[in-house]
Amino acid sequence: MPELERELPKQGVTLTLPFTDGKLDKPRASGRVDKAALARFEACANDRLLGFRLRDGAAAATVTLGC
């Protein structure tokens, strides 16, 4: 079945949460929506995730969430 061999198109928004020294840096949004919607999504993530930290965050890490 060729449908199973091809990668499916991405839908929605992907939010990338970079952590440096255990502290959340600026969240980044990407996806198949207009730039204004991505900017609003990033602004909301900045507000809601302010102060997020990793418990054992000595090294840099990135968390990626997709919807």
C-alpha atoms as a PDB file:
ATOM      1  CA  MET A   1       0.000   0.000   0.000  1.00  0.00           C
ATOM      2  CA  PRO A   2       1.762   3.160  -1.155  1.00  0.00           C
ATOM      3  CA  GLU A   3      -0.194   5.252   1.362  1.00  0.00           C
ATOM      4  CA  LEU A   4       1.708   3.565   4.181  1.00  0.00           C
ATOM      5  CA  GLU A   5       5.085   4.151   2.557  1.00  0.00           C
ATOM      6  CA  ARG A   6       4.715   7.935   2.287  1.00  0.00           C
ATOM      7  CA  GLU A   7       5.058  10.310   5.185  1.00  0.00           C
ATOM      8  CA  LEU A   8       1.735  11.921   6.033  1.00  0.00           C
ATOM      9  CA  PRO A   9       1.513  15.706   5.820  1.00  0.00           C
ATOM     10  CA  LYS A  10       1.861  17.516   9.119  1.00  0.00           C
ATOM     11  CA  GLN A  11      -1.226  19.217  10.428  1.00  0.00           C
ATOM     12  CA  GLY A  12      -1.757  21.731  13.171  1.00  0.00           C
ATOM     13  CA  VAL A  13       0.989  23.339  15.207  1.00  0.00           C
ATOM     14  CA  THR A  14       4.273  22.069  16.636  1.00  0.00           C
ATOM     15  CA  LEU A  15       5.584  23.754  19.774  1.00  0.00           C
ATOM     16  CA  THR A  16       9.298  23.487  20.536  1.00  0.00           C
ATOM     17  CA  LEU A  17      10.369  24.108  24.127  1.00  0.00           C
ATOM     18  CA  PRO A  18      14.148  24.616  24.409  1.00  0.00           C
ATOM     19  CA  PHE A  19      15.695  24.378  27.874  1.00  0.00           C
ATOM     20  CA  THR A  20      19.135  25.744  28.752  1.00  0.00           C
ATOM     21  CA  ASP A  21      20.610  25.154  32.222  1.00  0.00           C
ATOM     22  CA  GLY A  22      17.224  23.779  33.269  1.00  0.00           C
ATOM     23  CA  LYS A  23      15.355  26.987  32.391  1.00  0.00           C
ATOM     24  CA  LEU A  24      12.842  27.316  29.567  1.00  0.00           C
ATOM     25  CA  ASP A  25      14.050  29.573  26.774  1.00  0.00           C
ATOM     26  CA  LYS A  26      11.666  31.173  24.296  1.00  0.00           C
ATOM     27  CA  PRO A  27       9.074  28.647  22.987  1.00  0.00           C
ATOM     28  CA  ARG A  28       8.840  28.431  19.188  1.00  0.00           C
ATOM     29  CA  ALA A  29       5.762  27.480  17.187  1.00  0.00           C
ATOM     30  CA  SER A  30       5.685  26.165  13.634  1.00  0.00           C
ATOM     31  CA  GLY A  31       3.045  24.629  11.434  1.00  0.00           C
ATOM     32  CA  ARG A  32       0.637  25.047   8.583  1.00  0.00           C
ATOM     33  CA  VAL A  33      -1.095  28.153   9.864  1.00  0.00           C
ATOM     34  CA  ASP A  34      -0.528  31.820   9.106  1.00  0.00           C
ATOM     35  CA  LYS A  35       2.277  33.779  10.766  1.00  0.00           C
ATOM     36  CA  ALA A  36      -0.117  35.818  12.905  1.00  0.00           C
ATOM     37  CA  ALA A  37      -1.604  32.638  14.394  1.00  0.00           C
ATOM     38  CA  LEU A  38       1.887  31.282  15.113  1.00  0.00           C
ATOM     39  CA  ALA A  39       2.820  34.561  16.823  1.00  0.00           C
ATOM     40  CA  ARG A  40      -0.330  34.360  18.990  1.00  0.00           C
ATOM     41  CA  PHE A  41       0.458  30.730  19.869  1.00  0.00           C
ATOM     42  CA  GLU A  42       4.031  31.657  20.886  1.00  0.00           C
ATOM     43  CA  ALA A  43       2.785  34.612  22.948  1.00  0.00           C
ATOM     44  CA  CYS A  44       0.309  32.371  24.776  1.00  0.00           C
ATOM     45  CA  ALA A  45       3.009  29.745  25.416  1.00  0.00           C
ATOM     46  CA  ASN A  46       5.332  32.467  26.758  1.00  0.00           C
ATOM     47  CA  ASP A  47       2.634  33.638  29.183  1.00  0.00           C
ATOM     48  CA  ARG A  48       1.488  30.191  30.321  1.00  0.00           C
ATOM     49  CA  LEU A  49       4.904  28.544  30.577  1.00  0.00           C
ATOM     50  CA  LEU A  50       6.739  31.388  32.291  1.00  0.00           C
ATOM     51  CA  GLY A  51       9.099  29.982  34.911  1.00  0.00           C
ATOM     52  CA  PHE A  52       9.054  26.358  33.700  1.00  0.00           C
ATOM     53  CA  ARG A  53      12.196  24.491  34.768  1.00  0.00           C
ATOM     54  CA  LEU A  54      13.556  20.983  34.435  1.00  0.00           C
ATOM     55  CA  ARG A  55      14.089  19.174  37.722  1.00  0.00           C
ATOM     56  CA  ASP A  56      17.551  17.877  36.753  1.00  0.00           C
ATOM     57  CA  GLY A  57      18.494  20.372  34.073  1.00  0.00           C
ATOM     58  CA  ALA A  58      22.264  20.529  33.905  1.00  0.00           C
ATOM     59  CA  ALA A  59      22.355  19.909  30.139  1.00  0.00           C
ATOM     60  CA  ALA A  60      20.480  21.573  27.296  1.00  0.00           C
ATOM     61  CA  ALA A  61      17.305  19.796  26.182  1.00  0.00           C
ATOM     62  CA  THR A  62      14.450  20.370  23.750  1.00  0.00           C
ATOM     63  CA  VAL A  63      10.878  19.132  24.070  1.00  0.00           C
ATOM     64  CA  THR A  64       8.735  19.083  20.929  1.00  0.00           C
ATOM     65  CA  LEU A  65       4.946  18.826  21.108  1.00  0.00           C
ATOM     66  CA  GLY A  66       2.696  18.441  18.100  1.00  0.00           C
ATOM     67  CA  CYS A  67      -1.025  18.667  17.670  1.00  0.00           C
END
